[in-house]
Amino acid sequence: MAHHIKFRVYYEDTDAGGIVYHARYLGFAERARAEALRELGLAIGELAEKENLGFVVANLSIHYHRPAKLDDVLEIETCLVESKAARFILQQNIFTEVNSEKLHIASLKVELVSMAMDRLKPVRLPVEVKKRLEQLRTDN
């Protein structure tokens, strides 16, 4: 099941016209991914410390559908698209609601590589991690 979280757009997220600066969407998506993993019992700090495991962005694409503005409440949906031996791909969609209408703001596709943090080398996703990530799949 997809993970959902909401964030409000603050002044610091916007340009002089009150429109969210394009790079801020990456920050919103990063926070949403971290919270999705945390809710699966995969807190990033703990994985690094206890399992020597980290996730590094290998590829990211973003498509902007419409601008978000100051004070908008953004909902970020995160779901698993694909999981391989040492990589997984997440789809993240950002929405806002205006006058009871859900508007699609941006779409991101993020490929993450599982890394041994002490060597900074790709490693297979541990079976338990892969199993937990599967909970984010929407086509189950």
C-alpha atoms as a PDB file:
ATOM      1  CA  MET A   1       0.000   0.000   0.000  1.00  0.00           C
ATOM      2  CA  ALA A   2       1.288   3.452  -0.866  1.00  0.00           C
ATOM      3  CA  HIS A   3       2.529   5.709   1.920  1.00  0.00           C
ATOM      4  CA  HIS A   4       0.967   9.183   2.261  1.00  0.00           C
ATOM      5  CA  ILE A   5       2.237  12.214   4.171  1.00  0.00           C
ATOM      6  CA  LYS A   6       1.414  15.911   4.136  1.00  0.00           C
ATOM      7  CA  PHE A   7       3.645  18.981   4.338  1.00  0.00           C
ATOM      8  CA  ARG A   8       2.724  22.663   4.260  1.00  0.00           C
ATOM      9  CA  VAL A   9       4.530  25.026   1.906  1.00  0.00           C
ATOM     10  CA  TYR A  10       6.333  27.741   3.866  1.00  0.00           C
ATOM     11  CA  TYR A  11       7.781  31.053   2.729  1.00  0.00           C
ATOM     12  CA  GLU A  12      11.295  29.542   2.674  1.00  0.00           C
ATOM     13  CA  ASP A  13      10.095  27.055   0.008  1.00  0.00           C
ATOM     14  CA  THR A  14       9.028  29.732  -2.452  1.00  0.00           C
ATOM     15  CA  ASP A  15      10.445  32.320  -4.809  1.00  0.00           C
ATOM     16  CA  ALA A  16       9.563  36.025  -4.732  1.00  0.00           C
ATOM     17  CA  GLY A  17       6.225  35.275  -6.430  1.00  0.00           C
ATOM     18  CA  GLY A  18       5.093  32.769  -3.797  1.00  0.00           C
ATOM     19  CA  ILE A  19       5.627  29.773  -6.126  1.00  0.00           C
ATOM     20  CA  VAL A  20       7.505  26.726  -4.818  1.00  0.00           C
ATOM     21  CA  TYR A  21      11.079  26.766  -6.093  1.00  0.00           C
ATOM     22  CA  HIS A  22      11.699  23.753  -8.358  1.00  0.00           C
ATOM     23  CA  ALA A  23      14.455  22.181  -6.203  1.00  0.00           C
ATOM     24  CA  ARG A  24      12.264  22.197  -3.060  1.00  0.00           C
ATOM     25  CA  TYR A  25      10.183  19.355  -4.500  1.00  0.00           C
ATOM     26  CA  LEU A  26      13.248  17.142  -4.092  1.00  0.00           C
ATOM     27  CA  GLY A  27      13.351  18.011  -0.386  1.00  0.00           C
ATOM     28  CA  PHE A  28       9.656  17.248   0.067  1.00  0.00           C
ATOM     29  CA  ALA A  29      10.116  13.910  -1.724  1.00  0.00           C
ATOM     30  CA  GLU A  30      13.211  13.050   0.355  1.00  0.00           C
ATOM     31  CA  ARG A  31      11.351  13.664   3.614  1.00  0.00           C
ATOM     32  CA  ALA A  32       8.405  11.607   2.379  1.00  0.00           C
ATOM     33  CA  ARG A  33      10.712   8.702   1.429  1.00  0.00           C
ATOM     34  CA  ALA A  34      12.431   8.820   4.819  1.00  0.00           C
ATOM     35  CA  GLU A  35       9.075   8.740   6.630  1.00  0.00           C
ATOM     36  CA  ALA A  36       7.781   5.907   4.421  1.00  0.00           C
ATOM     37  CA  LEU A  37      10.859   3.824   5.233  1.00  0.00           C
ATOM     38  CA  ARG A  38      10.642   4.725   8.931  1.00  0.00           C
ATOM     39  CA  GLU A  39       7.030   3.503   9.073  1.00  0.00           C
ATOM     40  CA  LEU A  40       8.206   0.203   7.565  1.00  0.00           C
ATOM     41  CA  GLY A  41      10.751  -0.147  10.392  1.00  0.00           C
ATOM     42  CA  LEU A  42      13.608   0.890   8.103  1.00  0.00           C
ATOM     43  CA  ALA A  43      14.822   4.095   9.750  1.00  0.00           C
ATOM     44  CA  ILE A  44      17.762   5.316   7.679  1.00  0.00           C
ATOM     45  CA  GLY A  45      20.013   6.212  10.623  1.00  0.00           C
ATOM     46  CA  GLU A  46      19.466   2.880  12.333  1.00  0.00           C
ATOM     47  CA  LEU A  47      20.120   0.915   9.133  1.00  0.00           C
ATOM     48  CA  ALA A  48      23.427   2.719   8.663  1.00  0.00           C
ATOM     49  CA  GLU A  49      24.485   2.279  12.284  1.00  0.00           C
ATOM     50  CA  LYS A  50      23.296  -1.279  12.955  1.00  0.00           C
ATOM     51  CA  GLU A  51      23.351  -2.886   9.497  1.00  0.00           C
ATOM     52  CA  ASN A  52      26.015  -0.783   7.686  1.00  0.00           C
ATOM     53  CA  LEU A  53      23.317  -0.246   5.048  1.00  0.00           C
ATOM     54  CA  GLY A  54      22.344   2.912   3.208  1.00  0.00           C
ATOM     55  CA  PHE A  55      20.372   3.920   0.139  1.00  0.00           C
ATOM     56  CA  VAL A  56      21.879   6.233  -2.461  1.00  0.00           C
ATOM     57  CA  VAL A  57      19.931   7.904  -5.254  1.00  0.00           C
ATOM     58  CA  ALA A  58      21.236   6.548  -8.566  1.00  0.00           C
ATOM     59  CA  ASN A  59      18.671   8.115 -10.848  1.00  0.00           C
ATOM     60  CA  LEU A  60      15.844  10.579 -10.413  1.00  0.00           C
ATOM     61  CA  SER A  61      13.380  12.082 -12.841  1.00  0.00           C
ATOM     62  CA  ILE A  62      10.772  14.708 -12.067  1.00  0.00           C
ATOM     63  CA  HIS A  63       7.862  16.009 -14.080  1.00  0.00           C
ATOM     64  CA  TYR A  64       6.190  19.217 -12.967  1.00  0.00           C
ATOM     65  CA  HIS A  65       2.463  19.307 -13.733  1.00  0.00           C
ATOM     66  CA  ARG A  66       1.548  22.634 -12.099  1.00  0.00           C
ATOM     67  CA  PRO A  67       3.057  24.958  -9.517  1.00  0.00           C
ATOM     68  CA  ALA A  68       2.487  24.698  -5.795  1.00  0.00           C
ATOM     69  CA  LYS A  69       2.142  27.931  -3.854  1.00  0.00           C
ATOM     70  CA  LEU A  70       2.781  29.430  -0.447  1.00  0.00           C
ATOM     71  CA  ASP A  71       0.536  27.872   2.249  1.00  0.00           C
ATOM     72  CA  ASP A  72      -0.547  24.940   0.058  1.00  0.00           C
ATOM     73  CA  VAL A  73      -0.728  21.628   1.879  1.00  0.00           C
ATOM     74  CA  LEU A  74       1.084  19.059  -0.236  1.00  0.00           C
ATOM     75  CA  GLU A  75       0.330  15.353  -0.015  1.00  0.00           C
ATOM     76  CA  ILE A  76       3.170  13.103  -1.109  1.00  0.00           C
ATOM     77  CA  GLU A  77       2.334   9.549  -2.100  1.00  0.00           C
ATOM     78  CA  THR A  78       5.206   7.035  -2.206  1.00  0.00           C
ATOM     79  CA  CYS A  79       4.944   3.548  -3.695  1.00  0.00           C
ATOM     80  CA  LEU A  80       7.294   0.802  -4.835  1.00  0.00           C
ATOM     81  CA  VAL A  81       7.506   0.278  -8.592  1.00  0.00           C
ATOM     82  CA  GLU A  82      10.307  -2.269  -8.830  1.00  0.00           C
ATOM     83  CA  SER A  83      12.718  -4.134  -6.588  1.00  0.00           C
ATOM     84  CA  LYS A  84      15.869  -5.884  -7.801  1.00  0.00           C
ATOM     85  CA  ALA A  85      18.848  -7.458  -6.051  1.00  0.00           C
ATOM     86  CA  ALA A  86      20.551  -4.224  -4.963  1.00  0.00           C
ATOM     87  CA  ARG A  87      18.169  -1.545  -6.297  1.00  0.00           C
ATOM     88  CA  PHE A  88      14.614  -0.405  -5.946  1.00  0.00           C
ATOM     89  CA  ILE A  89      12.515   2.197  -7.706  1.00  0.00           C
ATOM     90  CA  LEU A  90       9.936   4.386  -5.989  1.00  0.00           C
ATOM     91  CA  GLN A  91       7.228   6.468  -7.640  1.00  0.00           C
ATOM     92  CA  GLN A  92       6.313   9.634  -5.753  1.00  0.00           C
ATOM     93  CA  ASN A  93       3.372  11.833  -6.633  1.00  0.00           C
ATOM     94  CA  ILE A  94       2.765  15.237  -5.111  1.00  0.00           C
ATOM     95  CA  PHE A  95      -0.769  16.594  -4.864  1.00  0.00           C
ATOM     96  CA  THR A  96      -2.571  19.544  -3.353  1.00  0.00           C
ATOM     97  CA  GLU A  97      -6.248  20.276  -2.909  1.00  0.00           C
ATOM     98  CA  VAL A  98      -7.870  23.487  -4.131  1.00  0.00           C
ATOM     99  CA  ASN A  99     -11.618  24.059  -3.715  1.00  0.00           C
ATOM    100  CA  SER A 100     -12.126  20.336  -2.958  1.00  0.00           C
ATOM    101  CA  GLU A 101     -10.313  19.363  -6.161  1.00  0.00           C
ATOM    102  CA  LYS A 102      -7.186  17.176  -5.921  1.00  0.00           C
ATOM    103  CA  LEU A 103      -4.509  18.641  -8.201  1.00  0.00           C
ATOM    104  CA  HIS A 104      -1.426  16.748  -9.375  1.00  0.00           C
ATOM    105  CA  ILE A 105       1.611  18.964  -8.764  1.00  0.00           C
ATOM    106  CA  ALA A 106       4.597  16.758  -9.638  1.00  0.00           C
ATOM    107  CA  SER A 107       5.678  13.170 -10.320  1.00  0.00           C
ATOM    108  CA  LEU A 108       9.050  11.739  -9.360  1.00  0.00           C
ATOM    109  CA  LYS A 109      10.620   8.387 -10.132  1.00  0.00           C
ATOM    110  CA  VAL A 110      13.565   7.606  -7.867  1.00  0.00           C
ATOM    111  CA  GLU A 111      15.994   4.703  -8.247  1.00  0.00           C
ATOM    112  CA  LEU A 112      17.904   3.887  -5.060  1.00  0.00           C
ATOM    113  CA  VAL A 113      20.911   1.599  -4.682  1.00  0.00           C
ATOM    114  CA  SER A 114      21.562  -0.411  -1.527  1.00  0.00           C
ATOM    115  CA  MET A 115      25.091   0.368  -0.310  1.00  0.00           C
ATOM    116  CA  ALA A 116      27.517  -0.974   2.285  1.00  0.00           C
ATOM    117  CA  MET A 117      28.251   2.345   3.967  1.00  0.00           C
ATOM    118  CA  ASP A 118      31.770   1.472   5.133  1.00  0.00           C
ATOM    119  CA  ARG A 119      32.919   0.609   1.587  1.00  0.00           C
ATOM    120  CA  LEU A 120      30.422   2.660  -0.419  1.00  0.00           C
ATOM    121  CA  LYS A 121      29.843  -0.376  -2.629  1.00  0.00           C
ATOM    122  CA  PRO A 122      26.494  -1.740  -3.822  1.00  0.00           C
ATOM    123  CA  VAL A 123      25.194  -4.733  -1.866  1.00  0.00           C
ATOM    124  CA  ARG A 124      22.152  -6.941  -2.155  1.00  0.00           C
ATOM    125  CA  LEU A 125      19.091  -5.774  -0.314  1.00  0.00           C
ATOM    126  CA  PRO A 126      18.725  -7.928   2.803  1.00  0.00           C
ATOM    127  CA  VAL A 127      15.731 -10.266   2.545  1.00  0.00           C
ATOM    128  CA  GLU A 128      13.928  -8.575   5.447  1.00  0.00           C
ATOM    129  CA  VAL A 129      14.446  -5.104   3.943  1.00  0.00           C
ATOM    130  CA  LYS A 130      13.163  -6.271   0.560  1.00  0.00           C
ATOM    131  CA  LYS A 131      10.145  -7.868   2.246  1.00  0.00           C
ATOM    132  CA  ARG A 132       9.311  -4.629   4.069  1.00  0.00           C
ATOM    133  CA  LEU A 133       9.742  -2.532   0.920  1.00  0.00           C
ATOM    134  CA  GLU A 134       7.193  -4.771  -0.823  1.00  0.00           C
ATOM    135  CA  GLN A 135       4.563  -3.322   1.531  1.00  0.00           C
ATOM    136  CA  LEU A 136       4.788  -0.101  -0.527  1.00  0.00           C
ATOM    137  CA  ARG A 137       3.743  -1.903  -3.692  1.00  0.00           C
ATOM    138  CA  THR A 138       0.304  -0.825  -4.910  1.00  0.00           C
ATOM    139  CA  ASP A 139      -0.314  -3.698  -7.323  1.00  0.00           C
ATOM    140  CA  ASN A 140      -0.517  -6.426  -4.625  1.00  0.00           C
END
